[in-house]
Amino acid sequence: MSEKQKKATAYWKENLRYLVILLFIWFLVSYGAGILFKDELNTIRLGGFKLGFWFVQQGAIYVFVILIFVYVRLMNKLDKKYGYNED
């Protein structure tokens, strides 16, 4: 395997690792907080609403948008690390 192929393989392995971690976080927030931990979270109120309800309605969306920005930042660093940046 050439050096270029090794670099590309390492790049994609790291990229997939980031994707799995971020998707797992999104799953925990959307499914876990919205469904599994709803009863425990409903004991806390946020802005007059039960926290479990808030996570289902708003929190999962906010976390998803934040994760998009985190992914962009991670990929920019990864691109620079492996020399794929466009600067």
PDB file of N, CA and C in Angstrom:
ATOM      1  N   MET A   1       0.852  -1.172   0.000  1.00  0.00           N
ATOM      2  CA  MET A   1       0.000   0.000   0.000  1.00  0.00           C
ATOM      3  C   MET A   1       0.902   1.241   0.000  1.00  0.00           C
ATOM      4  N   SER A   2       0.570   2.192  -0.848  1.00  0.00           N
ATOM      5  CA  SER A   2       1.381   3.404  -0.948  1.00  0.00           C
ATOM      6  C   SER A   2       1.125   4.313   0.254  1.00  0.00           C
ATOM      7  N   GLU A   3       2.021   5.271   0.407  1.00  0.00           N
ATOM      8  CA  GLU A   3       1.891   6.229   1.513  1.00  0.00           C
ATOM      9  C   GLU A   3       0.601   7.041   1.389  1.00  0.00           C
ATOM     10  N   LYS A   4       0.224   7.377   0.169  1.00  0.00           N
ATOM     11  CA  LYS A   4      -1.010   8.135  -0.072  1.00  0.00           C
ATOM     12  C   LYS A   4      -2.235   7.328   0.347  1.00  0.00           C
ATOM     13  N   GLN A   5      -2.230   6.037   0.051  1.00  0.00           N
ATOM     14  CA  GLN A   5      -3.353   5.178   0.436  1.00  0.00           C
ATOM     15  C   GLN A   5      -3.418   5.004   1.953  1.00  0.00           C
ATOM     16  N   LYS A   6      -2.256   4.887   2.592  1.00  0.00           N
ATOM     17  CA  LYS A   6      -2.230   4.760   4.054  1.00  0.00           C
ATOM     18  C   LYS A   6      -2.790   6.011   4.706  1.00  0.00           C
ATOM     19  N   LYS A   7      -2.409   7.165   4.163  1.00  0.00           N
ATOM     20  CA  LYS A   7      -2.898   8.432   4.695  1.00  0.00           C
ATOM     21  C   LYS A   7      -4.415   8.541   4.518  1.00  0.00           C
ATOM     22  N   ALA A   8      -4.904   8.148   3.353  1.00  0.00           N
ATOM     23  CA  ALA A   8      -6.345   8.202   3.090  1.00  0.00           C
ATOM     24  C   ALA A   8      -7.110   7.240   3.993  1.00  0.00           C
ATOM     25  N   THR A   9      -6.566   6.063   4.215  1.00  0.00           N
ATOM     26  CA  THR A   9      -7.205   5.080   5.101  1.00  0.00           C
ATOM     27  C   THR A   9      -7.254   5.593   6.532  1.00  0.00           C
ATOM     28  N   ALA A  10      -6.169   6.172   7.008  1.00  0.00           N
ATOM     29  CA  ALA A  10      -6.127   6.720   8.368  1.00  0.00           C
ATOM     30  C   ALA A  10      -7.123   7.878   8.500  1.00  0.00           C
ATOM     31  N   TYR A  11      -7.197   8.697   7.466  1.00  0.00           N
ATOM     32  CA  TYR A  11      -8.138   9.823   7.450  1.00  0.00           C
ATOM     33  C   TYR A  11      -9.578   9.320   7.600  1.00  0.00           C
ATOM     34  N   TRP A  12      -9.958   8.320   6.807  1.00  0.00           N
ATOM     35  CA  TRP A  12     -11.329   7.826   6.855  1.00  0.00           C
ATOM     36  C   TRP A  12     -11.628   7.080   8.141  1.00  0.00           C
ATOM     37  N   LYS A  13     -10.635   6.400   8.706  1.00  0.00           N
ATOM     38  CA  LYS A  13     -10.854   5.738  10.000  1.00  0.00           C
ATOM     39  C   LYS A  13     -11.170   6.761  11.076  1.00  0.00           C
ATOM     40  N   GLU A  14     -10.394   7.855  11.082  1.00  0.00           N
ATOM     41  CA  GLU A  14     -10.624   8.895  12.078  1.00  0.00           C
ATOM     42  C   GLU A  14     -11.962   9.600  11.830  1.00  0.00           C
ATOM     43  N   ASN A  15     -12.289   9.832  10.569  1.00  0.00           N
ATOM     44  CA  ASN A  15     -13.566  10.443  10.206  1.00  0.00           C
ATOM     45  C   ASN A  15     -14.729   9.572  10.694  1.00  0.00           C
ATOM     46  N   LEU A  16     -14.671   8.285  10.459  1.00  0.00           N
ATOM     47  CA  LEU A  16     -15.731   7.372  10.898  1.00  0.00           C
ATOM     48  C   LEU A  16     -15.834   7.320  12.419  1.00  0.00           C
ATOM     49  N   ARG A  17     -14.705   7.413  13.093  1.00  0.00           N
ATOM     50  CA  ARG A  17     -14.715   7.426  14.559  1.00  0.00           C
ATOM     51  C   ARG A  17     -15.469   8.661  15.053  1.00  0.00           C
ATOM     52  N   TYR A  18     -15.188   9.824  14.451  1.00  0.00           N
ATOM     53  CA  TYR A  18     -15.917  11.040  14.815  1.00  0.00           C
ATOM     54  C   TYR A  18     -17.414  10.886  14.556  1.00  0.00           C
ATOM     55  N   LEU A  19     -17.759  10.332  13.407  1.00  0.00           N
ATOM     56  CA  LEU A  19     -19.174  10.151  13.069  1.00  0.00           C
ATOM     57  C   LEU A  19     -19.885   9.263  14.075  1.00  0.00           C
ATOM     58  N   VAL A  20     -19.274   8.158  14.438  1.00  0.00           N
ATOM     59  CA  VAL A  20     -19.891   7.226  15.385  1.00  0.00           C
ATOM     60  C   VAL A  20     -20.098   7.902  16.740  1.00  0.00           C
ATOM     61  N   ILE A  21     -19.091   8.624  17.205  1.00  0.00           N
ATOM     62  CA  ILE A  21     -19.204   9.302  18.502  1.00  0.00           C
ATOM     63  C   ILE A  21     -20.312  10.350  18.475  1.00  0.00           C
ATOM     64  N   LEU A  22     -20.334  11.171  17.434  1.00  0.00           N
ATOM     65  CA  LEU A  22     -21.344  12.232  17.356  1.00  0.00           C
ATOM     66  C   LEU A  22     -22.753  11.673  17.165  1.00  0.00           C
ATOM     67  N   LEU A  23     -22.887  10.642  16.372  1.00  0.00           N
ATOM     68  CA  LEU A  23     -24.206  10.020  16.210  1.00  0.00           C
ATOM     69  C   LEU A  23     -24.675   9.354  17.501  1.00  0.00           C
ATOM     70  N   PHE A  24     -23.751   8.793  18.260  1.00  0.00           N
ATOM     71  CA  PHE A  24     -24.099   8.196  19.549  1.00  0.00           C
ATOM     72  C   PHE A  24     -24.588   9.269  20.519  1.00  0.00           C
ATOM     73  N   ILE A  25     -23.919  10.416  20.532  1.00  0.00           N
ATOM     74  CA  ILE A  25     -24.361  11.529  21.390  1.00  0.00           C
ATOM     75  C   ILE A  25     -25.767  11.969  20.977  1.00  0.00           C
ATOM     76  N   TRP A  26     -25.988  12.098  19.667  1.00  0.00           N
ATOM     77  CA  TRP A  26     -27.307  12.506  19.181  1.00  0.00           C
ATOM     78  C   TRP A  26     -28.364  11.474  19.577  1.00  0.00           C
ATOM     79  N   PHE A  27     -28.045  10.202  19.460  1.00  0.00           N
ATOM     80  CA  PHE A  27     -28.969   9.143  19.857  1.00  0.00           C
ATOM     81  C   PHE A  27     -29.297   9.247  21.344  1.00  0.00           C
ATOM     82  N   LEU A  28     -28.271   9.430  22.175  1.00  0.00           N
ATOM     83  CA  LEU A  28     -28.506   9.539  23.618  1.00  0.00           C
ATOM     84  C   LEU A  28     -29.428  10.704  23.952  1.00  0.00           C
ATOM     85  N   VAL A  29     -29.203  11.827  23.299  1.00  0.00           N
ATOM     86  CA  VAL A  29     -30.021  13.005  23.595  1.00  0.00           C
ATOM     87  C   VAL A  29     -31.442  12.834  23.069  1.00  0.00           C
ATOM     88  N   SER A  30     -31.571  12.425  21.816  1.00  0.00           N
ATOM     89  CA  SER A  30     -32.910  12.357  21.232  1.00  0.00           C
ATOM     90  C   SER A  30     -33.716  11.171  21.753  1.00  0.00           C
ATOM     91  N   TYR A  31     -33.137   9.998  21.756  1.00  0.00           N
ATOM     92  CA  TYR A  31     -33.876   8.806  22.198  1.00  0.00           C
ATOM     93  C   TYR A  31     -33.820   8.666  23.714  1.00  0.00           C
ATOM     94  N   GLY A  32     -32.615   8.804  24.264  1.00  0.00           N
ATOM     95  CA  GLY A  32     -32.443   8.613  25.702  1.00  0.00           C
ATOM     96  C   GLY A  32     -33.180   9.652  26.516  1.00  0.00           C
ATOM     97  N   ALA A  33     -32.869  10.940  26.270  1.00  0.00           N
ATOM     98  CA  ALA A  33     -33.491  12.004  27.065  1.00  0.00           C
ATOM     99  C   ALA A  33     -34.968  12.161  26.731  1.00  0.00           C
ATOM    100  N   GLY A  34     -35.332  11.936  25.483  1.00  0.00           N
ATOM    101  CA  GLY A  34     -36.726  12.129  25.083  1.00  0.00           C
ATOM    102  C   GLY A  34     -37.647  10.987  25.431  1.00  0.00           C
ATOM    103  N   ILE A  35     -37.126   9.771  25.520  1.00  0.00           N
ATOM    104  CA  ILE A  35     -37.989   8.611  25.727  1.00  0.00           C
ATOM    105  C   ILE A  35     -37.596   7.826  26.980  1.00  0.00           C
ATOM    106  N   LEU A  36     -36.346   7.369  27.039  1.00  0.00           N
ATOM    107  CA  LEU A  36     -35.941   6.493  28.138  1.00  0.00           C
ATOM    108  C   LEU A  36     -35.899   7.193  29.493  1.00  0.00           C
ATOM    109  N   PHE A  37     -35.354   8.413  29.525  1.00  0.00           N
ATOM    110  CA  PHE A  37     -35.184   9.124  30.796  1.00  0.00           C
ATOM    111  C   PHE A  37     -36.232  10.213  30.997  1.00  0.00           C
ATOM    112  N   LYS A  38     -37.314  10.132  30.225  1.00  0.00           N
ATOM    113  CA  LYS A  38     -38.359  11.150  30.259  1.00  0.00           C
ATOM    114  C   LYS A  38     -38.938  11.339  31.661  1.00  0.00           C
ATOM    115  N   ASP A  39     -39.254  10.260  32.339  1.00  0.00           N
ATOM    116  CA  ASP A  39     -39.883  10.369  33.656  1.00  0.00           C
ATOM    117  C   ASP A  39     -38.973  11.047  34.669  1.00  0.00           C
ATOM    118  N   GLU A  40     -37.684  10.691  34.658  1.00  0.00           N
ATOM    119  CA  GLU A  40     -36.738  11.320  35.579  1.00  0.00           C
ATOM    120  C   GLU A  40     -36.555  12.794  35.239  1.00  0.00           C
ATOM    121  N   LEU A  41     -36.473  13.099  33.934  1.00  0.00           N
ATOM    122  CA  LEU A  41     -36.272  14.486  33.513  1.00  0.00           C
ATOM    123  C   LEU A  41     -37.511  15.343  33.748  1.00  0.00           C
ATOM    124  N   ASN A  42     -38.689  14.735  33.758  1.00  0.00           N
ATOM    125  CA  ASN A  42     -39.919  15.495  33.969  1.00  0.00           C
ATOM    126  C   ASN A  42     -40.049  16.034  35.383  1.00  0.00           C
ATOM    127  N   THR A  43     -39.217  15.589  36.291  1.00  0.00           N
ATOM    128  CA  THR A  43     -39.236  16.143  37.649  1.00  0.00           C
ATOM    129  C   THR A  43     -38.584  17.525  37.680  1.00  0.00           C
ATOM    130  N   ILE A  44     -37.863  17.884  36.616  1.00  0.00           N
ATOM    131  CA  ILE A  44     -37.200  19.190  36.506  1.00  0.00           C
ATOM    132  C   ILE A  44     -37.990  20.037  35.515  1.00  0.00           C
ATOM    133  N   ARG A  45     -38.159  21.310  35.823  1.00  0.00           N
ATOM    134  CA  ARG A  45     -38.887  22.214  34.926  1.00  0.00           C
ATOM    135  C   ARG A  45     -37.920  23.231  34.320  1.00  0.00           C
ATOM    136  N   LEU A  46     -38.138  23.525  33.029  1.00  0.00           N
ATOM    137  CA  LEU A  46     -37.337  24.512  32.310  1.00  0.00           C
ATOM    138  C   LEU A  46     -38.295  25.461  31.599  1.00  0.00           C
ATOM    139  N   GLY A  47     -38.330  26.704  32.041  1.00  0.00           N
ATOM    140  CA  GLY A  47     -39.241  27.670  31.437  1.00  0.00           C
ATOM    141  C   GLY A  47     -40.707  27.297  31.604  1.00  0.00           C
ATOM    142  N   GLY A  48     -41.029  26.617  32.673  1.00  0.00           N
ATOM    143  CA  GLY A  48     -42.407  26.222  32.925  1.00  0.00           C
ATOM    144  C   GLY A  48     -42.794  24.882  32.318  1.00  0.00           C
ATOM    145  N   PHE A  49     -41.923  24.295  31.522  1.00  0.00           N
ATOM    146  CA  PHE A  49     -42.207  23.008  30.895  1.00  0.00           C
ATOM    147  C   PHE A  49     -41.371  21.912  31.532  1.00  0.00           C
ATOM    148  N   LYS A  50     -41.909  20.712  31.529  1.00  0.00           N
ATOM    149  CA  LYS A  50     -41.145  19.577  32.044  1.00  0.00           C
ATOM    150  C   LYS A  50     -39.944  19.340  31.133  1.00  0.00           C
ATOM    151  N   LEU A  51     -38.800  19.032  31.727  1.00  0.00           N
ATOM    152  CA  LEU A  51     -37.557  18.908  30.966  1.00  0.00           C
ATOM    153  C   LEU A  51     -37.619  17.776  29.943  1.00  0.00           C
ATOM    154  N   GLY A  52     -38.290  16.675  30.249  1.00  0.00           N
ATOM    155  CA  GLY A  52     -38.436  15.584  29.284  1.00  0.00           C
ATOM    156  C   GLY A  52     -39.163  16.041  28.036  1.00  0.00           C
ATOM    157  N   PHE A  53     -40.240  16.795  28.232  1.00  0.00           N
ATOM    158  CA  PHE A  53     -40.987  17.357  27.103  1.00  0.00           C
ATOM    159  C   PHE A  53     -40.106  18.317  26.308  1.00  0.00           C
ATOM    160  N   TRP A  54     -39.342  19.165  27.027  1.00  0.00           N
ATOM    161  CA  TRP A  54     -38.481  20.134  26.362  1.00  0.00           C
ATOM    162  C   TRP A  54     -37.453  19.436  25.474  1.00  0.00           C
ATOM    163  N   PHE A  55     -36.843  18.352  25.969  1.00  0.00           N
ATOM    164  CA  PHE A  55     -35.852  17.640  25.167  1.00  0.00           C
ATOM    165  C   PHE A  55     -36.471  17.051  23.909  1.00  0.00           C
ATOM    166  N   VAL A  56     -37.664  16.523  24.027  1.00  0.00           N
ATOM    167  CA  VAL A  56     -38.326  15.955  22.846  1.00  0.00           C
ATOM    168  C   VAL A  56     -38.633  17.055  21.839  1.00  0.00           C
ATOM    169  N   GLN A  57     -39.120  18.198  22.307  1.00  0.00           N
ATOM    170  CA  GLN A  57     -39.553  19.255  21.406  1.00  0.00           C
ATOM    171  C   GLN A  57     -38.421  20.142  20.899  1.00  0.00           C
ATOM    172  N   GLN A  58     -37.470  20.479  21.742  1.00  0.00           N
ATOM    173  CA  GLN A  58     -36.448  21.465  21.381  1.00  0.00           C
ATOM    174  C   GLN A  58     -35.020  20.961  21.551  1.00  0.00           C
ATOM    175  N   GLY A  59     -34.762  20.314  22.646  1.00  0.00           N
ATOM    176  CA  GLY A  59     -33.388  19.962  23.008  1.00  0.00           C
ATOM    177  C   GLY A  59     -32.676  19.120  21.978  1.00  0.00           C
ATOM    178  N   ALA A  60     -33.349  18.127  21.430  1.00  0.00           N
ATOM    179  CA  ALA A  60     -32.712  17.246  20.448  1.00  0.00           C
ATOM    180  C   ALA A  60     -32.336  18.023  19.187  1.00  0.00           C
ATOM    181  N   ILE A  61     -33.160  18.984  18.808  1.00  0.00           N
ATOM    182  CA  ILE A  61     -32.862  19.804  17.629  1.00  0.00           C
ATOM    183  C   ILE A  61     -31.654  20.688  17.900  1.00  0.00           C
ATOM    184  N   TYR A  62     -31.615  21.324  19.066  1.00  0.00           N
ATOM    185  CA  TYR A  62     -30.476  22.175  19.417  1.00  0.00           C
ATOM    186  C   TYR A  62     -29.181  21.366  19.447  1.00  0.00           C
ATOM    187  N   VAL A  63     -29.246  20.202  20.063  1.00  0.00           N
ATOM    188  CA  VAL A  63     -28.046  19.357  20.139  1.00  0.00           C
ATOM    189  C   VAL A  63     -27.607  18.936  18.743  1.00  0.00           C
ATOM    190  N   PHE A  64     -28.541  18.598  17.871  1.00  0.00           N
ATOM    191  CA  PHE A  64     -28.207  18.213  16.502  1.00  0.00           C
ATOM    192  C   PHE A  64     -27.477  19.345  15.775  1.00  0.00           C
ATOM    193  N   VAL A  65     -27.973  20.574  15.907  1.00  0.00           N
ATOM    194  CA  VAL A  65     -27.329  21.714  15.255  1.00  0.00           C
ATOM    195  C   VAL A  65     -25.935  21.947  15.839  1.00  0.00           C
ATOM    196  N   ILE A  66     -25.803  21.845  17.145  1.00  0.00           N
ATOM    197  CA  ILE A  66     -24.491  21.995  17.781  1.00  0.00           C
ATOM    198  C   ILE A  66     -23.537  20.919  17.278  1.00  0.00           C
ATOM    199  N   LEU A  67     -24.030  19.682  17.146  1.00  0.00           N
ATOM    200  CA  LEU A  67     -23.178  18.594  16.661  1.00  0.00           C
ATOM    201  C   LEU A  67     -22.727  18.830  15.224  1.00  0.00           C
ATOM    202  N   ILE A  68     -23.539  19.482  14.422  1.00  0.00           N
ATOM    203  CA  ILE A  68     -23.116  19.819  13.053  1.00  0.00           C
ATOM    204  C   ILE A  68     -21.910  20.749  13.103  1.00  0.00           C
ATOM    205  N   PHE A  69     -21.968  21.777  13.945  1.00  0.00           N
ATOM    206  CA  PHE A  69     -20.846  22.701  14.067  1.00  0.00           C
ATOM    207  C   PHE A  69     -19.608  22.013  14.636  1.00  0.00           C
ATOM    208  N   VAL A  70     -19.810  21.116  15.597  1.00  0.00           N
ATOM    209  CA  VAL A  70     -18.685  20.350  16.149  1.00  0.00           C
ATOM    210  C   VAL A  70     -18.057  19.489  15.062  1.00  0.00           C
ATOM    211  N   TYR A  71     -18.881  18.844  14.245  1.00  0.00           N
ATOM    212  CA  TYR A  71     -18.374  18.001  13.170  1.00  0.00           C
ATOM    213  C   TYR A  71     -17.569  18.825  12.159  1.00  0.00           C
ATOM    214  N   VAL A  72     -18.074  19.996  11.800  1.00  0.00           N
ATOM    215  CA  VAL A  72     -17.352  20.867  10.862  1.00  0.00           C
ATOM    216  C   VAL A  72     -15.992  21.234  11.429  1.00  0.00           C
ATOM    217  N   ARG A  73     -15.966  21.598  12.689  1.00  0.00           N
ATOM    218  CA  ARG A  73     -14.691  21.964  13.340  1.00  0.00           C
ATOM    219  C   ARG A  73     -13.725  20.780  13.371  1.00  0.00           C
ATOM    220  N   LEU A  74     -14.243  19.612  13.743  1.00  0.00           N
ATOM    221  CA  LEU A  74     -13.389  18.412  13.781  1.00  0.00           C
ATOM    222  C   LEU A  74     -12.859  18.065  12.395  1.00  0.00           C
ATOM    223  N   MET A  75     -13.707  18.186  11.384  1.00  0.00           N
ATOM    224  CA  MET A  75     -13.279  17.848  10.025  1.00  0.00           C
ATOM    225  C   MET A  75     -12.268  18.858   9.498  1.00  0.00           C
ATOM    226  N   ASN A  76     -12.412  20.121   9.843  1.00  0.00           N
ATOM    227  CA  ASN A  76     -11.411  21.107   9.432  1.00  0.00           C
ATOM    228  C   ASN A  76     -10.047  20.780  10.039  1.00  0.00           C
ATOM    229  N   LYS A  77     -10.046  20.404  11.309  1.00  0.00           N
ATOM    230  CA  LYS A  77      -8.785  19.995  11.955  1.00  0.00           C
ATOM    231  C   LYS A  77      -8.227  18.739  11.306  1.00  0.00           C
ATOM    232  N   LEU A  78      -9.102  17.793  11.017  1.00  0.00           N
ATOM    233  CA  LEU A  78      -8.672  16.540  10.400  1.00  0.00           C
ATOM    234  C   LEU A  78      -8.115  16.783   8.993  1.00  0.00           C
ATOM    235  N   ASP A  79      -8.767  17.649   8.241  1.00  0.00           N
ATOM    236  CA  ASP A  79      -8.278  17.989   6.902  1.00  0.00           C
ATOM    237  C   ASP A  79      -6.876  18.592   6.963  1.00  0.00           C
ATOM    238  N   LYS A  80      -6.675  19.490   7.921  1.00  0.00           N
ATOM    239  CA  LYS A  80      -5.348  20.093   8.073  1.00  0.00           C
ATOM    240  C   LYS A  80      -4.312  19.055   8.492  1.00  0.00           C
ATOM    241  N   LYS A  81      -4.712  18.177   9.404  1.00  0.00           N
ATOM    242  CA  LYS A  81      -3.794  17.145   9.886  1.00  0.00           C
ATOM    243  C   LYS A  81      -3.290  16.255   8.743  1.00  0.00           C
ATOM    244  N   TYR A  82      -4.165  15.910   7.812  1.00  0.00           N
ATOM    245  CA  TYR A  82      -3.800  15.003   6.729  1.00  0.00           C
ATOM    246  C   TYR A  82      -3.509  15.719   5.410  1.00  0.00           C
ATOM    247  N   GLY A  83      -3.514  17.044   5.423  1.00  0.00           N
ATOM    248  CA  GLY A  83      -3.150  17.810   4.234  1.00  0.00           C
ATOM    249  C   GLY A  83      -4.227  17.895   3.180  1.00  0.00           C
ATOM    250  N   TYR A  84      -5.493  17.775   3.582  1.00  0.00           N
ATOM    251  CA  TYR A  84      -6.600  17.883   2.632  1.00  0.00           C
ATOM    252  C   TYR A  84      -7.315  19.220   2.712  1.00  0.00           C
ATOM    253  N   ASN A  85      -6.759  20.152   3.481  1.00  0.00           N
ATOM    254  CA  ASN A  85      -7.417  21.461   3.626  1.00  0.00           C
ATOM    255  C   ASN A  85      -7.268  22.272   2.350  1.00  0.00           C
ATOM    256  N   GLU A  86      -8.173  23.232   2.194  1.00  0.00           N
ATOM    257  CA  GLU A  86      -8.209  24.031   0.976  1.00  0.00           C
ATOM    258  C   GLU A  86      -7.543  25.386   1.146  1.00  0.00           C
ATOM    259  N   ASP A  87      -6.815  25.595   2.222  1.00  0.00           N
ATOM    260  CA  ASP A  87      -6.163  26.900   2.470  1.00  0.00           C
ATOM    261  C   ASP A  87      -5.034  27.131   1.512  1.00  0.00           C
TER     262      ASP A  87
END
